Amino acid sequence: MPDQKGSSVQRPDSLPAQLFLLAVDPRRQRLTGRGELGYVLRAAALVELQLGGQLIDVDGRPKAGDAEPVPDPVLAGVLSQVAADPGRRWRYWIRRDARRITREVADGLVAARRIELHRYRIFGVVPAERIVVLDRLVRDRIVGAIDAALSDAWPVGERTAAVVSLAAAAQMRIVLPRSRRQAHRDRIASLAARTGPVPPALRRVLRDRRAAAAGG
């Protein structure tokens, strides 16, 4: 992959981009879990910044680190927000602008020729969107990395550990159905521990959201 240092193009292999692709059902050509996806992508951006050293955890709160700024506009936007308003907890930043990041990541994947978006109207009235994954192998490789990571005997890099942890925290059934999460509960927990404070923060954000929705 070409070095994109100094550009302002979203990295098509960023954690938010990978989680977006995982959320796409290639057969039905639609997003799954759309109502919660923005929170997942915000969490993925925070983890990406933490892995890169742009963010560090200080007493349960993100703080700007000393690493060089990132050229990716989605990540740079999240980093700028955190740096401008220190003292907030991770949960706050997961909730912040959750709806907007979904569109930003989708637009970046379109620009990178990873997906195509086709807007249409159901019965000529209800707006809808079809998502075509242009290179299924890209998504298949991410799914394959998750499959391998769930084996205790397989060495797992930080980014793959993050993908598994976030997908599990979000209960992304398209890649980690409940039965599979339960079967690999200990392995997922160990990967989440490596990833840091964001996966449990995401889990709590989504739990609170679901509880509020259930309560009317």
N, C-alpha and C. Protein backbone atom coordinates (compact mmCIF):
# COMPACT_ATOMS: atom_id res chain seq x y z
N MET A 1 0.85 -1.19 0.00
CA MET A 1 0.00 0.00 0.00
C MET A 1 0.88 1.24 0.00
N PRO A 2 0.60 2.24 -0.83
CA PRO A 2 1.42 3.42 -0.89
C PRO A 2 1.43 4.15 0.43
N ASP A 3 2.58 4.80 0.68
CA ASP A 3 2.70 5.61 1.89
C ASP A 3 1.89 6.87 1.70
N GLN A 4 0.97 7.14 2.64
CA GLN A 4 0.09 8.29 2.51
C GLN A 4 0.48 9.42 3.45
N LYS A 5 1.70 9.34 3.99
CA LYS A 5 2.13 10.38 4.90
C LYS A 5 2.14 11.71 4.18
N GLY A 6 1.56 12.70 4.83
CA GLY A 6 1.51 14.03 4.25
C GLY A 6 0.27 14.28 3.44
N SER A 7 -0.53 13.23 3.16
CA SER A 7 -1.76 13.43 2.42
C SER A 7 -2.89 13.63 3.40
N SER A 8 -4.06 13.99 2.85
CA SER A 8 -5.23 14.18 3.71
C SER A 8 -6.30 13.16 3.34
N VAL A 9 -5.86 12.00 2.86
CA VAL A 9 -6.78 10.95 2.43
C VAL A 9 -6.98 9.96 3.56
N GLN A 10 -8.23 9.58 3.76
CA GLN A 10 -8.51 8.58 4.79
C GLN A 10 -7.82 7.27 4.45
N ARG A 11 -7.19 6.67 5.44
CA ARG A 11 -6.56 5.37 5.24
C ARG A 11 -7.63 4.31 5.08
N PRO A 12 -7.64 3.58 3.96
CA PRO A 12 -8.68 2.56 3.77
C PRO A 12 -8.50 1.35 4.67
N ASP A 13 -7.34 1.26 5.36
CA ASP A 13 -7.13 0.15 6.29
C ASP A 13 -7.19 0.61 7.74
N SER A 14 -7.67 1.82 7.99
CA SER A 14 -7.79 2.31 9.36
C SER A 14 -8.78 1.44 10.13
N LEU A 15 -8.71 1.49 11.44
CA LEU A 15 -9.66 0.70 12.24
C LEU A 15 -11.11 1.10 11.97
N PRO A 16 -11.44 2.41 11.88
CA PRO A 16 -12.82 2.74 11.52
C PRO A 16 -13.24 2.16 10.17
N ALA A 17 -12.34 2.19 9.19
CA ALA A 17 -12.67 1.64 7.88
C ALA A 17 -12.90 0.13 7.97
N GLN A 18 -12.07 -0.56 8.73
CA GLN A 18 -12.24 -2.01 8.88
C GLN A 18 -13.55 -2.36 9.56
N LEU A 19 -13.90 -1.62 10.61
CA LEU A 19 -15.16 -1.91 11.31
C LEU A 19 -16.36 -1.60 10.43
N PHE A 20 -16.26 -0.56 9.60
CA PHE A 20 -17.34 -0.26 8.67
C PHE A 20 -17.53 -1.43 7.70
N LEU A 21 -16.44 -1.90 7.11
CA LEU A 21 -16.54 -3.01 6.16
C LEU A 21 -17.12 -4.26 6.82
N LEU A 22 -16.74 -4.51 8.06
CA LEU A 22 -17.30 -5.66 8.77
C LEU A 22 -18.80 -5.54 8.95
N ALA A 23 -19.28 -4.31 9.11
CA ALA A 23 -20.71 -4.09 9.34
C ALA A 23 -21.54 -4.26 8.08
N VAL A 24 -20.89 -4.30 6.93
CA VAL A 24 -21.61 -4.46 5.67
C VAL A 24 -21.95 -5.94 5.45
N ASP A 25 -23.20 -6.19 5.13
CA ASP A 25 -23.62 -7.53 4.69
C ASP A 25 -23.42 -7.58 3.18
N PRO A 26 -22.37 -8.24 2.68
CA PRO A 26 -22.08 -8.20 1.24
C PRO A 26 -23.19 -8.80 0.39
N ARG A 27 -23.87 -9.80 0.91
CA ARG A 27 -24.92 -10.45 0.12
C ARG A 27 -26.14 -9.56 -0.02
N ARG A 28 -26.55 -8.95 1.08
CA ARG A 28 -27.72 -8.07 1.04
C ARG A 28 -27.37 -6.63 0.67
N GLN A 29 -26.09 -6.33 0.64
CA GLN A 29 -25.60 -5.01 0.25
C GLN A 29 -26.20 -3.91 1.12
N ARG A 30 -26.10 -4.11 2.41
CA ARG A 30 -26.59 -3.10 3.35
C ARG A 30 -25.78 -3.15 4.64
N LEU A 31 -25.87 -2.06 5.39
CA LEU A 31 -25.21 -2.01 6.69
C LEU A 31 -26.04 -2.74 7.73
N THR A 32 -25.37 -3.47 8.59
CA THR A 32 -26.04 -4.07 9.75
C THR A 32 -25.73 -3.21 10.97
N GLY A 33 -26.65 -3.18 11.90
CA GLY A 33 -26.43 -2.41 13.12
C GLY A 33 -26.20 -0.94 12.87
N ARG A 34 -26.88 -0.39 11.89
CA ARG A 34 -26.65 1.00 11.49
C ARG A 34 -26.85 1.97 12.65
N GLY A 35 -27.84 1.73 13.50
CA GLY A 35 -28.13 2.66 14.58
C GLY A 35 -27.01 2.79 15.59
N GLU A 36 -26.16 1.76 15.69
CA GLU A 36 -25.07 1.79 16.67
C GLU A 36 -23.70 1.93 16.02
N LEU A 37 -23.65 1.89 14.70
CA LEU A 37 -22.35 1.84 14.03
C LEU A 37 -21.50 3.07 14.30
N GLY A 38 -22.13 4.24 14.38
CA GLY A 38 -21.36 5.45 14.63
C GLY A 38 -20.56 5.39 15.92
N TYR A 39 -21.15 4.82 16.95
CA TYR A 39 -20.43 4.67 18.23
C TYR A 39 -19.23 3.72 18.07
N VAL A 40 -19.44 2.67 17.30
CA VAL A 40 -18.36 1.71 17.06
C VAL A 40 -17.21 2.38 16.30
N LEU A 41 -17.55 3.19 15.31
CA LEU A 41 -16.51 3.86 14.52
C LEU A 41 -15.79 4.91 15.33
N ARG A 42 -16.51 5.63 16.19
CA ARG A 42 -15.84 6.59 17.07
C ARG A 42 -14.87 5.85 18.00
N ALA A 43 -15.31 4.73 18.55
CA ALA A 43 -14.44 3.94 19.41
C ALA A 43 -13.22 3.45 18.64
N ALA A 44 -13.43 3.01 17.40
CA ALA A 44 -12.32 2.54 16.58
C ALA A 44 -11.31 3.66 16.33
N ALA A 45 -11.81 4.87 16.08
CA ALA A 45 -10.91 6.00 15.87
C ALA A 45 -10.09 6.29 17.13
N LEU A 46 -10.73 6.23 18.28
CA LEU A 46 -10.02 6.47 19.54
C LEU A 46 -8.94 5.42 19.77
N VAL A 47 -9.25 4.16 19.49
CA VAL A 47 -8.25 3.10 19.66
C VAL A 47 -7.10 3.31 18.68
N GLU A 48 -7.42 3.65 17.45
CA GLU A 48 -6.36 3.91 16.45
C GLU A 48 -5.41 5.00 16.93
N LEU A 49 -5.97 6.06 17.46
CA LEU A 49 -5.15 7.16 17.96
C LEU A 49 -4.34 6.74 19.18
N GLN A 50 -4.91 5.90 20.00
CA GLN A 50 -4.18 5.42 21.18
C GLN A 50 -3.02 4.51 20.76
N LEU A 51 -3.26 3.63 19.80
CA LEU A 51 -2.20 2.75 19.32
C LEU A 51 -1.07 3.55 18.68
N GLY A 52 -1.43 4.66 18.03
CA GLY A 52 -0.42 5.49 17.38
C GLY A 52 0.29 6.45 18.30
N GLY A 53 -0.15 6.51 19.56
CA GLY A 53 0.48 7.41 20.52
C GLY A 53 -0.04 8.83 20.49
N GLN A 54 -1.04 9.10 19.62
CA GLN A 54 -1.62 10.44 19.59
C GLN A 54 -2.51 10.70 20.80
N LEU A 55 -3.05 9.64 21.38
CA LEU A 55 -3.84 9.73 22.61
C LEU A 55 -3.26 8.78 23.64
N ILE A 56 -3.30 9.20 24.90
CA ILE A 56 -2.91 8.34 26.01
C ILE A 56 -4.02 8.39 27.05
N ASP A 57 -4.07 7.34 27.86
CA ASP A 57 -5.09 7.28 28.91
C ASP A 57 -4.49 7.82 30.21
N VAL A 58 -5.16 8.81 30.78
CA VAL A 58 -4.74 9.38 32.06
C VAL A 58 -5.94 9.34 33.00
N ASP A 59 -5.91 8.41 33.94
CA ASP A 59 -6.98 8.28 34.93
C ASP A 59 -8.35 8.13 34.28
N GLY A 60 -8.42 7.27 33.25
CA GLY A 60 -9.70 7.01 32.61
C GLY A 60 -10.17 8.07 31.64
N ARG A 61 -9.26 8.96 31.26
CA ARG A 61 -9.60 10.03 30.32
C ARG A 61 -8.53 10.12 29.24
N PRO A 62 -8.93 10.35 27.99
CA PRO A 62 -7.93 10.48 26.94
C PRO A 62 -7.25 11.85 26.99
N LYS A 63 -5.98 11.84 26.70
CA LYS A 63 -5.20 13.06 26.66
C LYS A 63 -4.30 12.99 25.43
N ALA A 64 -4.12 14.14 24.77
CA ALA A 64 -3.26 14.17 23.59
C ALA A 64 -1.84 13.76 23.95
N GLY A 65 -1.27 12.85 23.16
CA GLY A 65 0.09 12.39 23.39
C GLY A 65 1.10 13.21 22.60
N ASP A 66 2.32 12.71 22.55
CA ASP A 66 3.40 13.44 21.89
C ASP A 66 3.68 12.96 20.48
N ALA A 67 2.95 11.97 20.00
CA ALA A 67 3.21 11.44 18.66
C ALA A 67 2.82 12.47 17.60
N GLU A 68 3.36 12.29 16.40
CA GLU A 68 3.06 13.20 15.30
C GLU A 68 1.57 13.15 14.96
N PRO A 69 1.01 14.28 14.48
CA PRO A 69 -0.40 14.29 14.06
C PRO A 69 -0.62 13.29 12.93
N VAL A 70 -1.86 12.89 12.76
CA VAL A 70 -2.20 11.92 11.71
C VAL A 70 -2.77 12.64 10.49
N PRO A 71 -2.44 12.17 9.27
CA PRO A 71 -2.99 12.80 8.08
C PRO A 71 -4.43 12.41 7.78
N ASP A 72 -4.85 11.25 8.29
CA ASP A 72 -6.22 10.78 8.05
C ASP A 72 -7.21 11.80 8.60
N PRO A 73 -8.10 12.36 7.76
CA PRO A 73 -8.98 13.43 8.22
C PRO A 73 -9.97 13.00 9.29
N VAL A 74 -10.43 11.76 9.25
CA VAL A 74 -11.36 11.28 10.28
C VAL A 74 -10.66 11.21 11.63
N LEU A 75 -9.48 10.60 11.65
CA LEU A 75 -8.72 10.50 12.89
C LEU A 75 -8.27 11.86 13.37
N ALA A 76 -7.85 12.71 12.44
CA ALA A 76 -7.39 14.05 12.82
C ALA A 76 -8.52 14.85 13.45
N GLY A 77 -9.73 14.67 12.94
CA GLY A 77 -10.87 15.38 13.50
C GLY A 77 -11.17 14.96 14.93
N VAL A 78 -11.11 13.66 15.18
CA VAL A 78 -11.35 13.16 16.54
C VAL A 78 -10.25 13.65 17.47
N LEU A 79 -9.01 13.58 17.03
CA LEU A 79 -7.89 14.04 17.85
C LEU A 79 -8.02 15.51 18.19
N SER A 80 -8.42 16.32 17.22
CA SER A 80 -8.58 17.75 17.45
C SER A 80 -9.65 18.02 18.50
N GLN A 81 -10.74 17.27 18.46
CA GLN A 81 -11.80 17.44 19.45
C GLN A 81 -11.31 17.13 20.85
N VAL A 82 -10.60 16.01 20.99
CA VAL A 82 -10.12 15.62 22.32
C VAL A 82 -9.12 16.63 22.85
N ALA A 83 -8.22 17.07 21.99
CA ALA A 83 -7.19 18.02 22.43
C ALA A 83 -7.79 19.35 22.85
N ALA A 84 -8.90 19.74 22.21
CA ALA A 84 -9.52 21.03 22.51
C ALA A 84 -10.40 21.01 23.75
N ASP A 85 -10.74 19.82 24.23
CA ASP A 85 -11.66 19.72 25.37
C ASP A 85 -11.19 18.62 26.31
N PRO A 86 -10.05 18.80 26.96
CA PRO A 86 -9.49 17.75 27.81
C PRO A 86 -10.34 17.54 29.06
N GLY A 87 -10.16 16.38 29.66
CA GLY A 87 -10.85 16.09 30.91
C GLY A 87 -12.09 15.24 30.76
N ARG A 88 -12.55 15.05 29.53
CA ARG A 88 -13.73 14.21 29.30
C ARG A 88 -13.35 12.73 29.34
N ARG A 89 -14.30 11.90 29.70
CA ARG A 89 -14.05 10.46 29.73
C ARG A 89 -14.18 9.87 28.32
N TRP A 90 -13.67 8.66 28.18
CA TRP A 90 -13.72 8.00 26.88
C TRP A 90 -15.15 7.87 26.38
N ARG A 91 -16.09 7.61 27.28
CA ARG A 91 -17.48 7.43 26.86
C ARG A 91 -18.02 8.68 26.17
N TYR A 92 -17.62 9.83 26.66
CA TYR A 92 -18.09 11.08 26.06
C TYR A 92 -17.65 11.16 24.59
N TRP A 93 -16.41 10.78 24.34
CA TRP A 93 -15.90 10.90 22.98
C TRP A 93 -16.45 9.81 22.07
N ILE A 94 -16.86 8.70 22.62
CA ILE A 94 -17.53 7.69 21.80
C ILE A 94 -18.90 8.20 21.35
N ARG A 95 -19.58 8.91 22.22
CA ARG A 95 -20.92 9.42 21.88
C ARG A 95 -20.85 10.64 20.95
N ARG A 96 -19.80 11.40 21.03
CA ARG A 96 -19.70 12.67 20.32
C ARG A 96 -19.69 12.46 18.80
N ASP A 97 -20.60 13.13 18.09
CA ASP A 97 -20.65 13.11 16.62
C ASP A 97 -20.71 11.69 16.05
N ALA A 98 -21.38 10.79 16.74
CA ALA A 98 -21.42 9.40 16.30
C ALA A 98 -22.12 9.25 14.95
N ARG A 99 -23.11 10.06 14.70
CA ARG A 99 -23.82 9.94 13.43
C ARG A 99 -22.96 10.43 12.27
N ARG A 100 -22.22 11.49 12.49
CA ARG A 100 -21.44 12.09 11.41
C ARG A 100 -20.30 11.18 10.94
N ILE A 101 -19.67 10.46 11.87
CA ILE A 101 -18.50 9.68 11.48
C ILE A 101 -18.86 8.54 10.53
N THR A 102 -20.07 8.03 10.62
CA THR A 102 -20.47 6.97 9.70
C THR A 102 -20.41 7.45 8.26
N ARG A 103 -20.92 8.63 8.01
CA ARG A 103 -20.87 9.19 6.66
C ARG A 103 -19.44 9.51 6.25
N GLU A 104 -18.64 10.02 7.17
CA GLU A 104 -17.26 10.36 6.84
C GLU A 104 -16.46 9.12 6.44
N VAL A 105 -16.62 8.06 7.19
CA VAL A 105 -15.89 6.83 6.88
C VAL A 105 -16.39 6.24 5.56
N ALA A 106 -17.70 6.26 5.35
CA ALA A 106 -18.25 5.75 4.09
C ALA A 106 -17.71 6.54 2.91
N ASP A 107 -17.68 7.86 3.02
CA ASP A 107 -17.16 8.69 1.93
C ASP A 107 -15.69 8.38 1.66
N GLY A 108 -14.92 8.13 2.72
CA GLY A 108 -13.52 7.79 2.53
C GLY A 108 -13.34 6.46 1.82
N LEU A 109 -14.19 5.49 2.13
CA LEU A 109 -14.11 4.19 1.47
C LEU A 109 -14.55 4.28 0.01
N VAL A 110 -15.48 5.16 -0.27
CA VAL A 110 -15.87 5.40 -1.67
C VAL A 110 -14.69 6.00 -2.43
N ALA A 111 -14.05 7.00 -1.83
CA ALA A 111 -12.90 7.64 -2.48
C ALA A 111 -11.76 6.66 -2.71
N ALA A 112 -11.61 5.70 -1.80
CA ALA A 112 -10.54 4.70 -1.91
C ALA A 112 -10.94 3.52 -2.81
N ARG A 113 -12.13 3.58 -3.38
CA ARG A 113 -12.65 2.54 -4.25
C ARG A 113 -12.78 1.19 -3.54
N ARG A 114 -13.15 1.25 -2.27
CA ARG A 114 -13.43 0.02 -1.53
C ARG A 114 -14.92 -0.31 -1.56
N ILE A 115 -15.77 0.70 -1.65
CA ILE A 115 -17.21 0.48 -1.72
C ILE A 115 -17.83 1.44 -2.73
N GLU A 116 -19.04 1.12 -3.14
CA GLU A 116 -19.89 2.03 -3.90
C GLU A 116 -21.21 2.19 -3.15
N LEU A 117 -21.74 3.40 -3.15
CA LEU A 117 -23.03 3.68 -2.53
C LEU A 117 -24.05 3.98 -3.61
N HIS A 118 -25.18 3.33 -3.54
CA HIS A 118 -26.26 3.55 -4.50
C HIS A 118 -27.53 3.91 -3.72
N ARG A 119 -27.96 5.14 -3.87
CA ARG A 119 -29.15 5.59 -3.16
C ARG A 119 -30.39 5.38 -4.03
N TYR A 120 -31.46 4.96 -3.39
CA TYR A 120 -32.71 4.73 -4.10
C TYR A 120 -33.86 4.93 -3.13
N ARG A 121 -35.08 4.75 -3.61
CA ARG A 121 -36.26 4.90 -2.76
C ARG A 121 -37.11 3.63 -2.83
N ILE A 122 -37.45 3.12 -1.67
CA ILE A 122 -38.33 1.96 -1.59
C ILE A 122 -39.75 2.39 -1.91
N PHE A 123 -40.37 1.70 -2.87
CA PHE A 123 -41.71 2.08 -3.34
C PHE A 123 -41.74 3.53 -3.82
N GLY A 124 -40.57 4.03 -4.20
CA GLY A 124 -40.49 5.39 -4.70
C GLY A 124 -40.64 6.46 -3.64
N VAL A 125 -40.66 6.05 -2.36
CA VAL A 125 -40.92 7.01 -1.28
C VAL A 125 -39.82 7.00 -0.22
N VAL A 126 -39.55 5.83 0.36
CA VAL A 126 -38.64 5.74 1.51
C VAL A 126 -37.19 5.72 1.02
N PRO A 127 -36.36 6.68 1.44
CA PRO A 127 -34.96 6.69 1.00
C PRO A 127 -34.19 5.51 1.58
N ALA A 128 -33.35 4.90 0.76
CA ALA A 128 -32.55 3.76 1.19
C ALA A 128 -31.20 3.81 0.46
N GLU A 129 -30.31 2.95 0.89
CA GLU A 129 -28.95 2.97 0.34
C GLU A 129 -28.44 1.55 0.20
N ARG A 130 -27.90 1.25 -0.95
CA ARG A 130 -27.28 -0.04 -1.20
C ARG A 130 -25.76 0.15 -1.19
N ILE A 131 -25.07 -0.74 -0.51
CA ILE A 131 -23.61 -0.64 -0.38
C ILE A 131 -22.98 -1.85 -1.06
N VAL A 132 -22.15 -1.59 -2.04
CA VAL A 132 -21.47 -2.66 -2.78
C VAL A 132 -20.00 -2.67 -2.36
N VAL A 133 -19.55 -3.78 -1.81
CA VAL A 133 -18.13 -3.95 -1.49
C VAL A 133 -17.41 -4.33 -2.78
N LEU A 134 -16.54 -3.46 -3.26
CA LEU A 134 -15.93 -3.66 -4.58
C LEU A 134 -14.87 -4.76 -4.57
N ASP A 135 -14.16 -4.92 -3.47
CA ASP A 135 -13.17 -5.98 -3.37
C ASP A 135 -13.50 -6.82 -2.15
N ARG A 136 -14.20 -7.91 -2.38
CA ARG A 136 -14.65 -8.75 -1.27
C ARG A 136 -13.47 -9.35 -0.51
N LEU A 137 -12.32 -9.50 -1.19
CA LEU A 137 -11.16 -10.08 -0.53
C LEU A 137 -10.67 -9.22 0.63
N VAL A 138 -10.84 -7.90 0.51
CA VAL A 138 -10.41 -7.01 1.60
C VAL A 138 -11.20 -7.33 2.86
N ARG A 139 -12.52 -7.41 2.71
CA ARG A 139 -13.36 -7.74 3.86
C ARG A 139 -13.09 -9.16 4.34
N ASP A 140 -12.90 -10.08 3.40
CA ASP A 140 -12.65 -11.47 3.77
C ASP A 140 -11.37 -11.60 4.59
N ARG A 141 -10.36 -10.79 4.27
CA ARG A 141 -9.11 -10.84 5.04
C ARG A 141 -9.32 -10.38 6.48
N ILE A 142 -10.16 -9.37 6.66
CA ILE A 142 -10.44 -8.90 8.02
C ILE A 142 -11.17 -9.99 8.81
N VAL A 143 -12.16 -10.61 8.16
CA VAL A 143 -12.89 -11.71 8.81
C VAL A 143 -11.94 -12.86 9.12
N GLY A 144 -11.04 -13.17 8.19
CA GLY A 144 -10.08 -14.24 8.41
C GLY A 144 -9.15 -13.95 9.57
N ALA A 145 -8.76 -12.68 9.72
CA ALA A 145 -7.90 -12.30 10.84
C ALA A 145 -8.63 -12.48 12.17
N ILE A 146 -9.92 -12.19 12.18
CA ILE A 146 -10.72 -12.42 13.39
C ILE A 146 -10.78 -13.91 13.71
N ASP A 147 -11.03 -14.72 12.69
CA ASP A 147 -11.09 -16.17 12.90
C ASP A 147 -9.78 -16.69 13.49
N ALA A 148 -8.66 -16.23 12.93
CA ALA A 148 -7.36 -16.68 13.42
C ALA A 148 -7.10 -16.19 14.84
N ALA A 149 -7.52 -14.97 15.13
CA ALA A 149 -7.26 -14.38 16.45
C ALA A 149 -7.98 -15.13 17.56
N LEU A 150 -9.08 -15.77 17.24
CA LEU A 150 -9.83 -16.49 18.27
C LEU A 150 -9.17 -17.80 18.67
N SER A 151 -8.13 -18.19 17.94
CA SER A 151 -7.35 -19.37 18.31
C SER A 151 -6.24 -18.97 19.26
N ASP A 152 -6.18 -19.60 20.41
CA ASP A 152 -5.16 -19.26 21.41
C ASP A 152 -3.74 -19.45 20.89
N ALA A 153 -3.58 -20.31 19.91
CA ALA A 153 -2.24 -20.63 19.42
C ALA A 153 -1.73 -19.62 18.39
N TRP A 154 -2.57 -18.68 18.00
CA TRP A 154 -2.21 -17.77 16.91
C TRP A 154 -1.76 -16.43 17.47
N PRO A 155 -0.54 -15.95 17.08
CA PRO A 155 -0.10 -14.62 17.55
C PRO A 155 -0.96 -13.53 16.94
N VAL A 156 -1.34 -12.57 17.74
CA VAL A 156 -2.27 -11.53 17.30
C VAL A 156 -1.63 -10.16 17.48
N GLY A 157 -1.64 -9.36 16.42
CA GLY A 157 -1.13 -8.00 16.50
C GLY A 157 -2.11 -7.08 17.21
N GLU A 158 -1.64 -5.89 17.54
CA GLU A 158 -2.47 -4.95 18.30
C GLU A 158 -3.71 -4.54 17.53
N ARG A 159 -3.57 -4.32 16.23
CA ARG A 159 -4.71 -3.84 15.45
C ARG A 159 -5.78 -4.92 15.32
N THR A 160 -5.35 -6.17 15.10
CA THR A 160 -6.33 -7.25 15.02
C THR A 160 -7.00 -7.46 16.37
N ALA A 161 -6.23 -7.38 17.45
CA ALA A 161 -6.82 -7.48 18.79
C ALA A 161 -7.88 -6.40 18.98
N ALA A 162 -7.60 -5.21 18.47
CA ALA A 162 -8.56 -4.10 18.60
C ALA A 162 -9.83 -4.38 17.81
N VAL A 163 -9.68 -4.89 16.59
CA VAL A 163 -10.85 -5.20 15.77
C VAL A 163 -11.74 -6.23 16.47
N VAL A 164 -11.13 -7.29 16.98
CA VAL A 164 -11.91 -8.32 17.68
C VAL A 164 -12.59 -7.73 18.91
N SER A 165 -11.85 -6.95 19.68
CA SER A 165 -12.39 -6.39 20.92
C SER A 165 -13.56 -5.46 20.66
N LEU A 166 -13.43 -4.62 19.65
CA LEU A 166 -14.51 -3.67 19.33
C LEU A 166 -15.72 -4.39 18.75
N ALA A 167 -15.49 -5.35 17.87
CA ALA A 167 -16.61 -6.10 17.29
C ALA A 167 -17.36 -6.86 18.38
N ALA A 168 -16.63 -7.41 19.34
CA ALA A 168 -17.27 -8.14 20.44
C ALA A 168 -18.01 -7.19 21.36
N ALA A 169 -17.40 -6.06 21.69
CA ALA A 169 -18.05 -5.09 22.56
C ALA A 169 -19.34 -4.57 21.95
N ALA A 170 -19.35 -4.44 20.63
CA ALA A 170 -20.54 -3.94 19.92
C ALA A 170 -21.54 -5.05 19.61
N GLN A 171 -21.17 -6.29 19.92
CA GLN A 171 -22.03 -7.44 19.61
C GLN A 171 -22.40 -7.46 18.12
N MET A 172 -21.38 -7.33 17.28
CA MET A 172 -21.59 -7.34 15.83
C MET A 172 -21.88 -8.77 15.38
N ARG A 173 -23.15 -9.10 15.32
CA ARG A 173 -23.55 -10.48 15.07
C ARG A 173 -23.16 -10.97 13.70
N ILE A 174 -22.95 -10.07 12.75
CA ILE A 174 -22.61 -10.51 11.40
C ILE A 174 -21.24 -11.19 11.38
N VAL A 175 -20.36 -10.85 12.32
CA VAL A 175 -19.04 -11.50 12.39
C VAL A 175 -18.83 -12.26 13.70
N LEU A 176 -19.48 -11.82 14.76
CA LEU A 176 -19.34 -12.48 16.06
C LEU A 176 -20.72 -12.68 16.69
N PRO A 177 -21.46 -13.70 16.22
CA PRO A 177 -22.76 -13.97 16.83
C PRO A 177 -22.59 -14.36 18.30
N ARG A 178 -23.68 -14.31 19.03
CA ARG A 178 -23.62 -14.54 20.47
C ARG A 178 -22.98 -15.87 20.83
N SER A 179 -23.33 -16.92 20.11
CA SER A 179 -22.78 -18.24 20.42
C SER A 179 -21.26 -18.25 20.28
N ARG A 180 -20.77 -17.53 19.31
CA ARG A 180 -19.32 -17.48 19.10
C ARG A 180 -18.63 -16.63 20.16
N ARG A 181 -19.26 -15.53 20.54
CA ARG A 181 -18.69 -14.70 21.60
C ARG A 181 -18.60 -15.49 22.91
N GLN A 182 -19.62 -16.28 23.19
CA GLN A 182 -19.61 -17.07 24.41
C GLN A 182 -18.56 -18.18 24.35
N ALA A 183 -18.42 -18.81 23.19
CA ALA A 183 -17.46 -19.90 23.05
C ALA A 183 -16.02 -19.42 23.21
N HIS A 184 -15.77 -18.18 22.85
CA HIS A 184 -14.41 -17.63 22.90
C HIS A 184 -14.33 -16.49 23.91
N ARG A 185 -15.12 -16.56 24.94
CA ARG A 185 -15.21 -15.46 25.91
C ARG A 185 -13.86 -15.12 26.53
N ASP A 186 -13.11 -16.12 26.95
CA ASP A 186 -11.83 -15.86 27.61
C ASP A 186 -10.83 -15.25 26.63
N ARG A 187 -10.81 -15.77 25.42
CA ARG A 187 -9.88 -15.23 24.41
C ARG A 187 -10.22 -13.78 24.09
N ILE A 188 -11.48 -13.49 23.92
CA ILE A 188 -11.90 -12.12 23.63
C ILE A 188 -11.54 -11.19 24.79
N ALA A 189 -11.72 -11.67 26.01
CA ALA A 189 -11.39 -10.86 27.18
C ALA A 189 -9.90 -10.53 27.22
N SER A 190 -9.06 -11.50 26.86
CA SER A 190 -7.62 -11.25 26.87
C SER A 190 -7.23 -10.25 25.79
N LEU A 191 -7.87 -10.32 24.64
CA LEU A 191 -7.59 -9.36 23.57
C LEU A 191 -8.08 -7.97 23.94
N ALA A 192 -9.23 -7.90 24.60
CA ALA A 192 -9.77 -6.61 25.04
C ALA A 192 -8.86 -5.97 26.07
N ALA A 193 -8.28 -6.78 26.95
CA ALA A 193 -7.37 -6.25 27.96
C ALA A 193 -6.15 -5.60 27.32
N ARG A 194 -5.71 -6.16 26.20
CA ARG A 194 -4.58 -5.57 25.47
C ARG A 194 -4.96 -4.26 24.80
N THR A 195 -6.22 -4.12 24.45
CA THR A 195 -6.66 -2.96 23.67
C THR A 195 -6.84 -1.72 24.53
N GLY A 196 -7.11 -1.90 25.82
CA GLY A 196 -7.18 -0.73 26.70
C GLY A 196 -8.59 -0.35 27.10
N PRO A 197 -8.82 0.92 27.42
CA PRO A 197 -10.08 1.33 28.05
C PRO A 197 -11.25 1.53 27.10
N VAL A 198 -11.00 1.56 25.80
CA VAL A 198 -12.08 1.92 24.88
C VAL A 198 -13.13 0.82 24.72
N PRO A 199 -12.77 -0.46 24.51
CA PRO A 199 -13.81 -1.48 24.36
C PRO A 199 -14.80 -1.53 25.53
N PRO A 200 -14.35 -1.52 26.80
CA PRO A 200 -15.35 -1.50 27.88
C PRO A 200 -16.17 -0.22 27.90
N ALA A 201 -15.57 0.90 27.50
CA ALA A 201 -16.34 2.14 27.42
C ALA A 201 -17.41 2.05 26.34
N LEU A 202 -17.06 1.46 25.20
CA LEU A 202 -18.03 1.26 24.12
C LEU A 202 -19.15 0.34 24.59
N ARG A 203 -18.80 -0.72 25.28
CA ARG A 203 -19.81 -1.66 25.77
C ARG A 203 -20.81 -0.94 26.67
N ARG A 204 -20.32 -0.07 27.53
CA ARG A 204 -21.21 0.64 28.45
C ARG A 204 -22.09 1.64 27.69
N VAL A 205 -21.51 2.35 26.73
CA VAL A 205 -22.30 3.30 25.94
C VAL A 205 -23.45 2.59 25.25
N LEU A 206 -23.17 1.46 24.64
CA LEU A 206 -24.22 0.73 23.92
C LEU A 206 -25.22 0.10 24.87
N ARG A 207 -24.75 -0.37 26.02
CA ARG A 207 -25.67 -0.94 27.01
C ARG A 207 -26.64 0.13 27.50
N ASP A 208 -26.12 1.32 27.79
CA ASP A 208 -26.98 2.41 28.25
C ASP A 208 -27.96 2.82 27.16
N ARG A 209 -27.49 2.84 25.93
CA ARG A 209 -28.37 3.21 24.82
C ARG A 209 -29.50 2.20 24.64
N ARG A 210 -29.16 0.93 24.71
CA ARG A 210 -30.18 -0.10 24.56
C ARG A 210 -31.17 -0.08 25.71
N ALA A 211 -30.67 0.16 26.92
CA ALA A 211 -31.56 0.23 28.08
C ALA A 211 -32.53 1.39 27.95
N ALA A 212 -32.02 2.53 27.47
CA ALA A 212 -32.88 3.70 27.29
C ALA A 212 -33.94 3.44 26.22
N ALA A 213 -33.54 2.75 25.15
CA ALA A 213 -34.50 2.44 24.09
C ALA A 213 -35.56 1.46 24.57
N ALA A 214 -35.15 0.49 25.38
CA ALA A 214 -36.10 -0.50 25.90
C ALA A 214 -37.07 0.13 26.88
N GLY A 215 -36.60 1.16 27.59
CA GLY A 215 -37.46 1.82 28.56
C GLY A 215 -38.38 2.85 27.96
N GLY A 216 -38.25 3.06 26.67
CA GLY A 216 -39.12 4.02 25.99
C GLY A 216 -38.66 5.43 26.18
